[in-house]
Amino acid sequence: MTVSDDDRIAAAQSYIDALVSHNGDAVPFAPDCIRIEQGIKTGFSGDHLRRSLNRGPQFRIIAATTKPEYTVAGDEVRAVYDVVTKVALGGRRFGSHIDERFVIPVGSTTIHHIGVRMRPFFKRI
């Protein structure tokens, strides 16, 4: 079976979709997948990440994402997009600019590692 870059991007997109749907059951995590956010380990296994997407309060506040811009280089699939939360204050909604790097080995559609950097912003409602 040949795995294309589009197949690998679809695996990363399933994670981004789960941020909004709060259903991580279809995300193809490797059992030992970890997530590093701003240099801190926040995901400890594929099962932990799936549970967090399904029930984690840190993800429940996410209302939407913009369409990611993807680049693929070697084993890395990079997605750049914005997250908009349900949190509002003074007519502004809180969000973050996201730069997320997924390690999805060439020839695979399984996510082995996620690294994310975020820059917060406020958006007028």
C-alpha atoms as a PDB file:
ATOM      1  CA  MET A   1       0.000   0.000   0.000  1.00  0.00           C
ATOM      2  CA  THR A   2       1.376   3.389  -1.003  1.00  0.00           C
ATOM      3  CA  VAL A   3       0.832   6.257   1.438  1.00  0.00           C
ATOM      4  CA  SER A   4       0.756   9.721  -0.123  1.00  0.00           C
ATOM      5  CA  ASP A   5       1.477  13.064   1.496  1.00  0.00           C
ATOM      6  CA  ASP A   6      -2.278  13.729   1.213  1.00  0.00           C
ATOM      7  CA  ASP A   7      -2.941  10.604   3.311  1.00  0.00           C
ATOM      8  CA  ARG A   8      -0.516  11.855   5.957  1.00  0.00           C
ATOM      9  CA  ILE A   9      -2.119  15.310   5.879  1.00  0.00           C
ATOM     10  CA  ALA A  10      -5.529  13.642   6.348  1.00  0.00           C
ATOM     11  CA  ALA A  11      -4.198  11.985   9.530  1.00  0.00           C
ATOM     12  CA  ALA A  12      -3.097  15.382  10.889  1.00  0.00           C
ATOM     13  CA  GLN A  13      -6.423  16.912   9.833  1.00  0.00           C
ATOM     14  CA  SER A  14      -8.294  14.228  11.791  1.00  0.00           C
ATOM     15  CA  TYR A  15      -6.568  15.534  14.933  1.00  0.00           C
ATOM     16  CA  ILE A  16      -7.467  19.156  14.112  1.00  0.00           C
ATOM     17  CA  ASP A  17     -11.075  18.131  13.375  1.00  0.00           C
ATOM     18  CA  ALA A  18     -11.206  16.372  16.762  1.00  0.00           C
ATOM     19  CA  LEU A  19     -10.198  19.611  18.494  1.00  0.00           C
ATOM     20  CA  VAL A  20     -13.559  21.042  17.398  1.00  0.00           C
ATOM     21  CA  SER A  21     -15.760  17.922  17.434  1.00  0.00           C
ATOM     22  CA  HIS A  22     -14.339  16.739  20.792  1.00  0.00           C
ATOM     23  CA  ASN A  23     -14.268  13.209  19.404  1.00  0.00           C
ATOM     24  CA  GLY A  24     -10.770  11.769  19.116  1.00  0.00           C
ATOM     25  CA  ASP A  25     -11.821   8.174  18.454  1.00  0.00           C
ATOM     26  CA  ALA A  26     -10.835   8.288  14.759  1.00  0.00           C
ATOM     27  CA  VAL A  27      -7.444   9.984  15.228  1.00  0.00           C
ATOM     28  CA  PRO A  28      -4.677   7.521  14.238  1.00  0.00           C
ATOM     29  CA  PHE A  29      -2.323   7.894  17.208  1.00  0.00           C
ATOM     30  CA  ALA A  30       0.595   5.538  17.717  1.00  0.00           C
ATOM     31  CA  PRO A  31       0.302   3.901  21.167  1.00  0.00           C
ATOM     32  CA  ASP A  32       3.390   5.805  22.403  1.00  0.00           C
ATOM     33  CA  CYS A  33       2.466   9.151  20.794  1.00  0.00           C
ATOM     34  CA  ILE A  34       3.314  12.208  22.872  1.00  0.00           C
ATOM     35  CA  ARG A  35       2.359  15.881  22.576  1.00  0.00           C
ATOM     36  CA  ILE A  36       4.654  18.749  23.530  1.00  0.00           C
ATOM     37  CA  GLU A  37       2.980  22.160  23.937  1.00  0.00           C
ATOM     38  CA  GLN A  38       5.155  25.251  24.386  1.00  0.00           C
ATOM     39  CA  GLY A  39       7.960  22.899  25.492  1.00  0.00           C
ATOM     40  CA  ILE A  40       5.828  21.068  28.098  1.00  0.00           C
ATOM     41  CA  LYS A  41       4.688  17.462  27.713  1.00  0.00           C
ATOM     42  CA  THR A  42       0.874  17.507  27.676  1.00  0.00           C
ATOM     43  CA  GLY A  43       0.138  14.191  25.956  1.00  0.00           C
ATOM     44  CA  PHE A  44       1.572  10.962  27.340  1.00  0.00           C
ATOM     45  CA  SER A  45       0.230   8.248  24.998  1.00  0.00           C
ATOM     46  CA  GLY A  46      -2.162   7.752  22.126  1.00  0.00           C
ATOM     47  CA  ASP A  47      -4.882   6.683  24.571  1.00  0.00           C
ATOM     48  CA  HIS A  48      -4.229   9.696  26.810  1.00  0.00           C
ATOM     49  CA  LEU A  49      -4.451  12.069  23.847  1.00  0.00           C
ATOM     50  CA  ARG A  50      -7.680  10.433  22.668  1.00  0.00           C
ATOM     51  CA  ARG A  51      -9.242  10.746  26.167  1.00  0.00           C
ATOM     52  CA  SER A  52      -8.132  14.380  26.356  1.00  0.00           C
ATOM     53  CA  LEU A  53      -9.722  15.203  22.999  1.00  0.00           C
ATOM     54  CA  ASN A  54     -12.936  13.451  24.037  1.00  0.00           C
ATOM     55  CA  ARG A  55     -13.306  14.863  27.562  1.00  0.00           C
ATOM     56  CA  GLY A  56     -10.507  17.295  28.383  1.00  0.00           C
ATOM     57  CA  PRO A  57     -11.617  20.752  29.552  1.00  0.00           C
ATOM     58  CA  GLN A  58      -8.597  22.297  27.798  1.00  0.00           C
ATOM     59  CA  PHE A  59     -10.122  21.210  24.460  1.00  0.00           C
ATOM     60  CA  ARG A  60     -13.812  21.732  25.348  1.00  0.00           C
ATOM     61  CA  ILE A  61     -13.372  25.507  25.071  1.00  0.00           C
ATOM     62  CA  ILE A  62     -12.414  25.260  21.371  1.00  0.00           C
ATOM     63  CA  ALA A  63     -15.205  26.483  19.098  1.00  0.00           C
ATOM     64  CA  ALA A  64     -13.564  26.470  15.658  1.00  0.00           C
ATOM     65  CA  THR A  65     -10.355  26.351  13.657  1.00  0.00           C
ATOM     66  CA  THR A  66      -9.387  28.018  10.430  1.00  0.00           C
ATOM     67  CA  LYS A  67      -8.354  25.916   7.449  1.00  0.00           C
ATOM     68  CA  PRO A  68      -4.745  24.784   8.031  1.00  0.00           C
ATOM     69  CA  GLU A  69      -1.907  25.476   5.636  1.00  0.00           C
ATOM     70  CA  TYR A  70       0.137  22.274   5.365  1.00  0.00           C
ATOM     71  CA  THR A  71       3.724  21.576   4.429  1.00  0.00           C
ATOM     72  CA  VAL A  72       5.336  18.140   4.355  1.00  0.00           C
ATOM     73  CA  ALA A  73       9.062  17.485   4.767  1.00  0.00           C
ATOM     74  CA  GLY A  74      10.383  14.014   5.498  1.00  0.00           C
ATOM     75  CA  ASP A  75       8.524  12.518   8.451  1.00  0.00           C
ATOM     76  CA  GLU A  76       7.031  15.885   9.460  1.00  0.00           C
ATOM     77  CA  VAL A  77       3.614  17.266   8.547  1.00  0.00           C
ATOM     78  CA  ARG A  78       3.331  20.909   9.612  1.00  0.00           C
ATOM     79  CA  ALA A  79      -0.029  22.640  10.035  1.00  0.00           C
ATOM     80  CA  VAL A  80      -0.398  26.387  10.572  1.00  0.00           C
ATOM     81  CA  TYR A  81      -3.881  27.554  11.557  1.00  0.00           C
ATOM     82  CA  ASP A  82      -5.894  29.506  14.131  1.00  0.00           C
ATOM     83  CA  VAL A  83      -8.024  28.190  16.964  1.00  0.00           C
ATOM     84  CA  VAL A  84     -10.969  30.265  18.185  1.00  0.00           C
ATOM     85  CA  THR A  85     -12.366  29.482  21.621  1.00  0.00           C
ATOM     86  CA  LYS A  86     -15.790  29.897  23.222  1.00  0.00           C
ATOM     87  CA  VAL A  87     -14.195  32.246  25.763  1.00  0.00           C
ATOM     88  CA  ALA A  88     -15.287  35.867  25.288  1.00  0.00           C
ATOM     89  CA  LEU A  89     -14.589  39.025  27.245  1.00  0.00           C
ATOM     90  CA  GLY A  90     -15.640  42.572  26.454  1.00  0.00           C
ATOM     91  CA  GLY A  91     -16.896  41.778  22.954  1.00  0.00           C
ATOM     92  CA  ARG A  92     -13.744  39.879  22.045  1.00  0.00           C
ATOM     93  CA  ARG A  93     -13.147  36.166  21.627  1.00  0.00           C
ATOM     94  CA  PHE A  94      -9.893  34.527  22.703  1.00  0.00           C
ATOM     95  CA  GLY A  95      -7.913  32.492  20.170  1.00  0.00           C
ATOM     96  CA  SER A  96      -4.433  31.278  19.283  1.00  0.00           C
ATOM     97  CA  HIS A  97      -2.265  31.187  16.197  1.00  0.00           C
ATOM     98  CA  ILE A  98      -1.084  27.558  15.996  1.00  0.00           C
ATOM     99  CA  ASP A  99       2.082  26.124  14.477  1.00  0.00           C
ATOM    100  CA  GLU A 100       1.780  22.363  14.910  1.00  0.00           C
ATOM    101  CA  ARG A 101       4.221  19.717  13.759  1.00  0.00           C
ATOM    102  CA  PHE A 102       3.136  16.110  13.479  1.00  0.00           C
ATOM    103  CA  VAL A 103       5.640  13.291  13.131  1.00  0.00           C
ATOM    104  CA  ILE A 104       3.927  10.918  10.726  1.00  0.00           C
ATOM    105  CA  PRO A 105       6.634   8.694   9.236  1.00  0.00           C
ATOM    106  CA  VAL A 106       6.880   8.411   5.462  1.00  0.00           C
ATOM    107  CA  GLY A 107       4.816   5.392   4.417  1.00  0.00           C
ATOM    108  CA  SER A 108       2.521   5.667   7.458  1.00  0.00           C
ATOM    109  CA  THR A 109      -0.655   7.482   8.508  1.00  0.00           C
ATOM    110  CA  THR A 110      -0.009   7.077  12.237  1.00  0.00           C
ATOM    111  CA  ILE A 111       0.795  10.123  14.377  1.00  0.00           C
ATOM    112  CA  HIS A 112       3.877   9.441  16.530  1.00  0.00           C
ATOM    113  CA  HIS A 113       4.556  12.887  17.973  1.00  0.00           C
ATOM    114  CA  ILE A 114       2.886  16.301  18.086  1.00  0.00           C
ATOM    115  CA  GLY A 115       4.749  19.513  18.827  1.00  0.00           C
ATOM    116  CA  VAL A 116       2.823  22.771  19.065  1.00  0.00           C
ATOM    117  CA  ARG A 117       3.667  26.432  19.507  1.00  0.00           C
ATOM    118  CA  MET A 118       0.876  28.937  20.152  1.00  0.00           C
ATOM    119  CA  ARG A 119       0.541  32.707  20.132  1.00  0.00           C
ATOM    120  CA  PRO A 120      -2.662  33.996  21.757  1.00  0.00           C
ATOM    121  CA  PHE A 121      -4.841  36.727  20.266  1.00  0.00           C
ATOM    122  CA  PHE A 122      -8.210  38.435  20.817  1.00  0.00           C
ATOM    123  CA  LYS A 123     -10.745  38.755  18.031  1.00  0.00           C
ATOM    124  CA  ARG A 124     -13.758  41.088  17.899  1.00  0.00           C
ATOM    125  CA  ILE A 125     -17.048  39.240  17.958  1.00  0.00           C
END
